[in-house]
Structures are given as structure tokens and as C-alpha cells.
Protein backbone atom coordinates (compact mmCIF):
# COMPACT_ATOMS: atom_id res chain seq x y z
CA MET A 1 89.04 87.21 109.93
CA THR A 2 92.84 86.90 110.07
CA PRO A 3 95.10 89.88 110.90
CA ARG A 4 96.52 89.70 107.37
CA THR A 5 93.08 89.96 105.80
CA ALA A 6 92.12 92.83 108.10
CA THR A 7 95.35 94.66 107.23
CA LEU A 8 94.68 94.30 103.51
CA ILE A 9 91.17 95.64 104.04
CA GLY A 10 92.59 98.59 105.97
CA LEU A 11 95.02 99.36 103.15
CA THR A 12 92.09 99.96 100.80
CA ALA A 13 91.14 102.98 102.93
CA ILE A 14 94.51 104.58 102.17
CA LEU A 15 93.95 104.14 98.44
CA MET A 16 90.45 105.60 98.68
CA TRP A 17 91.65 108.59 100.71
CA SER A 18 94.31 109.33 98.11
CA LEU A 19 91.41 109.98 95.69
CA LEU A 20 89.68 112.40 98.08
CA SER A 21 91.36 115.53 96.72
CA VAL A 22 90.86 114.84 93.02
CA LEU A 23 87.22 113.79 93.47
CA THR A 24 86.45 116.82 95.65
CA VAL A 25 87.91 119.21 93.09
CA ALA A 26 85.95 117.38 90.36
CA THR A 27 82.65 118.19 92.10
CA GLY A 28 82.90 121.82 91.00
CA LYS A 29 81.78 124.80 93.09
CA ILE A 30 79.45 123.04 95.52
CA PRO A 31 79.71 124.70 98.98
CA ALA A 32 81.77 122.76 101.52
CA PHE A 33 79.00 121.91 103.99
CA GLN A 34 76.56 121.02 101.23
CA LEU A 35 79.13 118.65 99.76
CA ALA A 36 79.74 117.10 103.17
CA ALA A 37 75.99 116.62 103.70
CA MET A 38 75.52 114.99 100.29
CA THR A 39 78.50 112.66 100.44
CA PHE A 40 78.02 111.55 104.05
CA ALA A 41 74.33 110.90 103.33
CA ILE A 42 75.37 108.63 100.46
CA GLY A 43 77.91 106.85 102.65
CA ALA A 44 75.37 106.35 105.43
CA ALA A 45 72.70 105.15 103.00
CA VAL A 46 74.99 102.48 101.53
CA ALA A 47 75.83 101.27 105.04
CA PHE A 48 72.22 101.16 106.22
CA ILE A 49 71.18 99.25 103.11
CA SER A 50 73.56 96.51 104.24
CA PHE A 51 71.81 96.50 107.63
CA ILE A 52 68.66 95.18 105.93
CA TRP A 53 70.38 91.81 105.63
CA ARG A 54 72.04 92.20 109.04
CA PRO A 55 69.33 93.45 111.43
CA ALA A 56 71.57 92.87 114.45
CA ALA A 57 73.87 95.63 113.15
CA PHE A 58 71.37 98.27 114.30
CA ALA A 59 72.39 97.48 117.89
CA ALA A 60 75.79 99.05 117.12
CA LEU A 61 74.11 102.46 117.12
CA ARG A 62 73.58 102.28 120.89
CA GLN A 63 76.83 103.88 122.00
CA SER A 64 77.92 106.19 124.79
CA PRO A 65 77.82 109.98 124.35
CA THR A 66 81.62 109.96 124.30
CA ALA A 67 81.70 107.63 121.31
CA TRP A 68 79.21 109.82 119.46
CA VAL A 69 81.11 113.01 120.22
CA VAL A 70 84.40 111.52 119.05
CA GLY A 71 82.89 109.87 115.97
CA VAL A 72 80.74 112.74 114.75
CA GLY A 73 83.15 115.45 115.88
CA GLY A 74 86.03 113.83 114.06
CA LEU A 75 84.16 113.08 110.84
CA PHE A 76 82.26 116.36 110.64
CA GLY A 77 85.09 118.60 111.83
CA TYR A 78 87.74 117.09 109.60
CA HIS A 79 85.74 117.00 106.39
CA ALA A 80 84.21 120.43 106.83
CA LEU A 81 87.71 121.86 107.16
CA TYR A 82 89.09 119.74 104.33
CA PHE A 83 86.37 120.66 101.85
CA LEU A 84 86.80 124.33 102.78
CA ALA A 85 90.53 123.99 102.16
CA LEU A 86 90.02 122.60 98.67
CA ARG A 87 87.59 125.40 97.84
CA PHE A 88 89.93 128.26 98.78
CA ALA A 89 93.48 126.95 98.42
CA PRO A 90 95.48 125.28 95.60
CA PRO A 91 94.52 121.59 95.80
CA ALA A 92 98.02 120.08 95.73
CA GLU A 93 99.37 122.36 98.46
CA ALA A 94 96.21 122.01 100.57
CA GLY A 95 96.35 118.25 100.18
CA LEU A 96 99.96 118.03 101.31
CA LEU A 97 99.31 120.22 104.35
CA ASN A 98 96.30 118.10 105.24
CA TYR A 99 98.32 114.92 104.93
CA LEU A 100 100.48 115.88 107.84
CA TRP A 101 97.96 113.82 109.83
CA PRO A 102 99.90 110.51 109.64
CA LEU A 103 102.90 112.23 111.18
CA LEU A 104 100.71 113.88 113.82
CA ILE A 105 99.15 110.52 114.70
CA VAL A 106 102.62 109.15 115.44
CA LEU A 107 103.50 112.17 117.56
CA PHE A 108 100.20 112.19 119.45
CA SER A 109 100.37 108.45 120.05
CA SER A 110 103.87 108.76 121.50
CA LEU A 111 102.51 111.09 124.18
CA LEU A 112 99.88 108.64 125.40
CA PRO A 113 100.37 106.95 128.79
CA GLY A 114 103.10 104.33 128.57
CA GLU A 115 104.66 105.85 125.45
CA ARG A 116 107.50 108.32 125.00
CA LEU A 117 108.72 110.84 122.46
CA ALA A 118 111.96 109.43 121.03
CA ALA A 119 114.64 111.06 118.86
CA HIS A 120 113.25 109.62 115.63
CA HIS A 121 109.83 111.11 116.44
CA ILE A 122 111.42 114.56 116.73
CA ILE A 123 113.50 114.10 113.55
CA GLY A 124 110.41 113.00 111.64
CA ALA A 125 108.44 115.98 112.91
CA LEU A 126 111.20 118.41 111.88
CA LEU A 127 111.36 116.91 108.37
CA GLY A 128 107.58 117.24 108.07
CA LEU A 129 107.82 120.84 109.25
CA ALA A 130 110.59 121.50 106.70
CA GLY A 131 108.36 120.16 103.94
CA THR A 132 105.51 122.38 105.09
CA VAL A 133 107.72 125.50 105.20
CA LEU A 134 109.11 124.71 101.73
CA LEU A 135 105.60 124.21 100.41
CA LEU A 136 104.43 127.57 101.73
CA SER A 137 107.52 129.60 100.86
CA GLY A 138 108.36 128.07 97.49
CA ASN A 139 104.96 128.04 95.80
CA SER A 140 105.63 127.98 92.07
CA GLY A 141 102.88 130.50 91.38
CA GLY A 142 104.84 133.32 92.97
CA GLY A 143 103.25 133.10 96.40
CA PHE A 144 99.78 132.54 97.78
CA THR A 145 97.11 135.22 97.54
CA PRO A 146 95.38 136.49 100.70
CA ALA A 147 92.19 134.71 99.60
CA GLN A 148 94.01 131.37 99.71
CA ILE A 149 95.36 131.70 103.25
CA PRO A 150 92.09 130.63 104.97
CA GLY A 151 92.04 127.49 102.83
CA LEU A 152 95.61 126.62 103.72
CA ALA A 153 94.87 127.22 107.40
CA ALA A 154 91.81 124.96 107.17
CA ALA A 155 93.94 122.18 105.64
CA PHE A 156 96.49 122.51 108.43
CA VAL A 157 93.87 122.42 111.21
CA ALA A 158 92.12 119.50 109.50
CA ALA A 159 95.30 117.44 109.90
CA PHE A 160 95.23 118.01 113.65
CA VAL A 161 91.52 117.17 113.87
CA TRP A 162 91.93 113.85 112.05
CA ALA A 163 95.01 112.90 114.06
CA ALA A 164 93.19 113.63 117.32
CA TYR A 165 90.14 111.67 116.15
CA SER A 166 92.28 108.67 115.18
CA VAL A 167 94.21 108.57 118.46
CA MET A 168 91.05 108.99 120.54
CA SER A 169 89.34 106.25 118.54
CA ARG A 170 92.00 103.79 119.65
CA LYS A 171 90.68 104.24 123.18
CA LEU A 172 87.22 103.23 121.99
CA LYS A 173 88.10 99.81 120.60
CA ALA A 174 84.90 98.31 121.98
CA VAL A 175 82.80 100.41 119.60
CA PRO A 176 81.82 98.14 116.68
CA THR A 177 82.55 99.16 113.10
CA ASP A 178 78.85 99.28 112.23
CA ALA A 179 78.50 102.31 114.51
CA VAL A 180 80.32 104.33 111.85
CA ALA A 181 77.07 104.30 109.84
CA GLY A 182 75.39 106.29 112.59
CA PHE A 183 78.32 108.69 112.79
CA CYS A 184 78.08 109.29 109.04
CA LEU A 185 74.34 109.94 109.20
CA ALA A 186 74.72 112.38 112.09
CA THR A 187 77.53 114.13 110.24
CA ALA A 188 75.34 114.47 107.14
CA LEU A 189 72.49 115.99 109.17
CA LEU A 190 74.81 118.40 110.97
CA ALA A 191 76.45 119.47 107.71
CA ALA A 192 73.02 120.02 106.13
CA LEU A 193 71.99 122.20 109.09
CA VAL A 194 75.12 124.36 108.85
CA HIS A 195 74.74 124.55 105.07
CA GLY A 196 71.22 125.90 105.43
CA MET A 197 72.43 128.61 107.80
CA VAL A 198 75.60 129.87 106.10
CA GLU A 199 75.65 128.71 102.47
CA THR A 200 73.69 129.06 99.26
CA THR A 201 72.77 125.76 97.62
CA VAL A 202 74.62 125.07 94.37
CA TRP A 203 73.68 121.93 92.48
CA PRO A 204 76.10 120.05 90.20
CA GLU A 205 76.08 121.30 86.63
CA THR A 206 77.34 118.20 84.83
CA SER A 207 76.98 114.46 84.99
CA GLY A 208 80.69 114.28 85.77
CA GLN A 209 80.19 116.35 88.91
CA TRP A 210 77.31 114.11 90.01
CA LEU A 211 79.47 111.03 89.45
CA ALA A 212 82.27 112.60 91.51
CA ILE A 213 79.84 113.20 94.38
CA VAL A 214 78.55 109.63 94.28
CA ALA A 215 82.12 108.30 94.11
CA LEU A 216 83.06 110.43 97.13
CA GLY A 217 80.10 109.15 99.12
CA VAL A 218 80.70 105.51 98.28
CA GLY A 219 84.49 105.57 98.67
CA PRO A 220 86.57 108.20 100.51
CA VAL A 221 83.62 109.54 102.52
CA GLY A 222 81.97 106.15 103.00
CA ALA A 223 83.57 102.74 102.72
CA ALA A 224 87.02 104.04 103.67
CA PHE A 225 85.92 104.71 107.26
CA PHE A 226 84.65 101.17 107.66
CA THR A 227 87.70 99.48 106.12
CA TRP A 228 90.05 101.67 108.16
CA ASP A 229 88.18 100.78 111.33
CA ILE A 230 88.51 97.07 110.55
CA GLY A 231 92.21 97.43 109.85
CA MET A 232 92.92 99.45 112.99
CA LYS A 233 91.02 97.07 115.29
CA ARG A 234 91.92 93.69 113.76
CA GLY A 235 94.94 94.22 111.50
CA ASP A 236 98.59 95.21 111.81
CA ILE A 237 98.49 98.81 113.04
CA ARG A 238 102.22 99.29 112.35
CA VAL A 239 101.86 98.38 108.69
CA LEU A 240 98.77 100.55 108.27
CA GLY A 241 100.38 103.47 110.07
CA ALA A 242 103.49 103.35 107.89
CA ALA A 243 101.52 102.83 104.68
CA SER A 244 99.39 105.91 105.34
CA TYR A 245 102.41 108.09 104.56
CA ALA A 246 102.01 107.13 100.91
CA THR A 247 98.69 108.98 100.85
CA PRO A 248 100.05 112.51 100.19
CA LEU A 249 102.24 111.23 97.38
CA LEU A 250 99.38 109.32 95.75
CA SER A 251 96.95 112.20 96.29
CA THR A 252 99.26 114.73 94.64
CA ALA A 253 99.97 112.33 91.78
CA PHE A 254 96.24 111.85 91.10
CA LEU A 255 95.69 115.64 91.12
CA ILE A 256 98.49 116.12 88.60
CA LEU A 257 97.28 113.26 86.38
CA ALA A 258 93.75 114.70 86.42
CA GLY A 259 95.02 118.13 85.44
CA PHE A 260 94.04 119.84 88.71
CA ALA A 261 97.65 120.54 89.71
CA THR A 262 100.95 121.16 87.97
CA ALA A 263 104.00 119.10 88.74
CA SER A 264 106.90 121.08 90.17
CA ALA A 265 110.15 120.47 91.98
CA THR A 266 108.81 122.29 95.04
CA ILE A 267 105.79 119.99 95.36
CA ALA A 268 107.94 116.90 94.77
CA ILE A 269 110.53 117.84 97.40
CA ALA A 270 107.87 118.89 99.91
CA ALA A 271 106.04 115.61 99.41
CA ILE A 272 109.24 113.63 99.94
CA LEU A 273 110.09 115.55 103.11
CA ILE A 274 106.60 115.17 104.58
CA ALA A 275 106.30 111.48 103.67
CA GLY A 276 109.90 110.75 104.64
CA GLY A 277 109.50 112.49 107.97
CA GLY A 278 106.42 110.44 108.64
CA LEU A 279 108.19 107.18 107.86
CA ILE A 280 111.06 108.05 110.20
CA ALA A 281 108.62 109.00 112.95
CA ALA A 282 106.82 105.68 112.39
CA LYS A 283 110.01 103.62 112.67
CA ASP A 284 108.60 101.68 115.61
CA MET A 285 105.53 100.74 113.58
CA VAL A 286 107.66 99.24 110.85
CA TRP A 287 110.52 97.51 112.64
CA LYS A 288 109.42 96.92 116.20
CA ARG A 289 107.95 93.47 116.68
CA SER A 290 104.76 92.95 118.55
CA PRO A 291 105.26 91.47 122.02
């Protein structure tokens, strides 16, 4: 597989993730951990079906405890927080807060050994912060209700969890992509366990909600992890890192087109600030040539 092909495959993950918000909202009132259990089970099932024709892929499940902790902790922690955010907070605002993760990945990566925090990293972070402050202070609905604050907080923390997971994963390059199937299965089982302890089961009420769940499991909570892994390990990381800043803009656009959010100047400006800050922070990814 050429780097160009791997990069194109990785880009499909960004498109799938931009549909995460609208598909999650379309699932209705299903509790967060139940939704995580259902969608990750679907994603794992699709992956394991492919193992039938590739028996050697099962060997990828034999990984170190560290790989399992990072993989399952990142997938379970991020999605549990993200689904909670979309249940309790306005979807457009929660989505934009969550999509601070590309910017955080740049900042976290710059602090790794051998890297440094440059002026454009700081400028990008400040622009992202400005977009976040504008989003929270200029909500078109006249302010957020107390019941929405936990959801917004969950979206914000989710961004940090995914950024940390992504940066730590780069240190585990030897872990094959097929191992993600095991991480998804473990995440589904863990989510089901937590669901049984703290939530009441709510089944989808319409065929549209069932279709949204299946689409989530096959795409944003399934195939996207595998294609992203391929892109990060074999493709152009700079291109993928820069392209990921389009995710909040696409995500918000899909929510508005689907009728789950209302377009406003505040959302538009906040999206531009967050995405623009991320692009500035990722300047090295775009213009710096590989050695």
C-alpha cells in the first residue's frame, strides 16, 4: 500500500466522524452506555466477520496490557463522554467543544520528547479558546440551562481523552490495525456492564433509529477507527492532521441540514475560530517537509 493510498483511506475516517453527531442524535433517547455497547458490538462484529477469511488476523489480539489499556480506555472513555454530551447538551455546541481534539493533539504532540511548543501552537490554542468562549457566552438560545452544563463538560473532557488516546497510540505503532477489533469488543462489553448498573434499557422506537444505530456501528464507531489507524501508520500524518480540522465544520453542517441544530452567526464564527486555530497550530503538518 502506497502512502498516498493510506492517506486517502485515513481521510475517510474524518468524513465518517463528521456524521457522528447527527447519527447519534438520530438514535433518539437511548442511554449513552447502552448506545455505546450496541454500536461498538456492531463495529466489532463486522471486523470479526472479516477475520473468517483472514484467520491470521486473530493473532493481532495478543497485545500487551499497555496496548489494551490505551485502546479500550481511549475508545470507551471518549465515546461514553461524547454520547453523554449529546444527550444533555445542544448537539451543535457539544460537537464543537468536542472537536477541540485536533487542536489538542497538535499541542500534546508538541510536548513530546524532541518536540517544542512554538509561537504558532500558542496562537492556534488561543484562537481555539476564543471560539470556545464565544460558543459558551453567545449561545443564541439566551444561555445554557443548568441541566445542559454536565453535557457541555462531558464534550470538553471527551476532547482531551481522544487527544491523549491519539498521541499515546503513536507510541504503539507496532500494534497492528486488526487489534482494534478486540478493543471495540472490549469496549462494547464494558459499556454493557456499566449500562446494566446505572441505566434503564430503552430500545429504539422507529426503524429510522435502528438504522442510525447500525450506521453508527458500521461507520463512525466501527470502520473509522480502522481507516484512521491505517492512515496514521502508513499515510501522510501531516495531511491527516490538518484535514481533521474540517470535522467540526462538517459535523455542524450535517446537524443543521438534518434539522437538529439552527444556523447562527455565533456557531459559524466559533467554528471558524476553532478550525482556524487548529490549522495555525498544525502549520508544521502542512508546510514542513518530511526529512
